[in-house]
Protein backbone atom coordinates (compact mmCIF):
# COMPACT_ATOMS: atom_id res chain seq x y z
CA MET A 1 -21.72 13.96 -32.00
CA THR A 2 -23.50 11.16 -34.39
CA PHE A 3 -22.61 8.25 -36.21
CA GLN A 4 -24.10 6.39 -38.91
CA VAL A 5 -23.77 3.36 -41.13
CA SER A 6 -25.36 3.12 -44.32
CA ASP A 7 -26.78 0.16 -46.41
CA VAL A 8 -24.19 0.48 -49.70
CA GLU A 9 -22.34 -2.16 -51.14
CA ILE A 10 -19.23 -1.81 -52.21
CA SER A 11 -17.88 -4.16 -55.09
CA SER A 12 -14.78 -2.91 -55.92
CA ARG A 13 -11.57 -4.47 -53.93
CA LYS A 14 -9.74 -1.36 -54.27
CA ILE A 15 -12.86 1.42 -53.00
CA ARG A 16 -13.56 -1.16 -50.29
CA ARG A 17 -9.71 -0.79 -49.08
CA LEU A 18 -10.10 3.38 -49.50
CA ALA A 19 -13.36 2.99 -47.62
CA TRP A 20 -11.63 1.09 -44.79
CA GLY A 21 -8.87 3.36 -44.59
CA HIS A 22 -11.16 6.57 -44.34
CA SER A 23 -12.97 4.88 -41.50
CA VAL A 24 -9.66 3.84 -39.55
CA LEU A 25 -8.84 7.45 -39.90
CA SER A 26 -12.03 9.16 -39.21
CA PHE A 27 -12.20 6.40 -35.96
CA VAL A 28 -8.11 7.90 -34.65
CA PHE A 29 -9.58 11.01 -35.78
CA ASN A 30 -12.66 11.10 -33.46
CA THR A 31 -10.69 9.56 -30.59
CA VAL A 32 -7.93 12.06 -30.63
CA ILE A 33 -10.64 15.13 -30.32
CA VAL A 34 -12.84 13.08 -27.67
CA ALA A 35 -9.44 12.33 -25.64
CA LEU A 36 -8.08 15.87 -26.15
CA SER A 37 -11.68 17.55 -25.11
CA ILE A 38 -11.59 15.76 -21.98
CA ASN A 39 -8.03 16.33 -21.04
CA ILE A 40 -8.82 20.04 -21.59
CA ILE A 41 -11.99 19.74 -19.23
CA SER A 42 -10.24 18.03 -16.45
CA GLY A 43 -7.41 20.30 -16.90
CA LEU A 44 -10.05 23.42 -15.79
CA PHE A 45 -11.17 21.57 -13.12
CA SER A 46 -8.23 20.45 -11.67
CA HIS A 47 -6.95 23.73 -10.63
């Protein structure tokens, strides 16, 4: 899994808020995916 930030300039305050919200949402989503994967894998090896 890779993450990349491109060099773009966001000049509109509305779009900047939308981009910030999108980045926070994607961070939370990816954190949940990683946590669930670790939980499932550790559950498989604990039995």
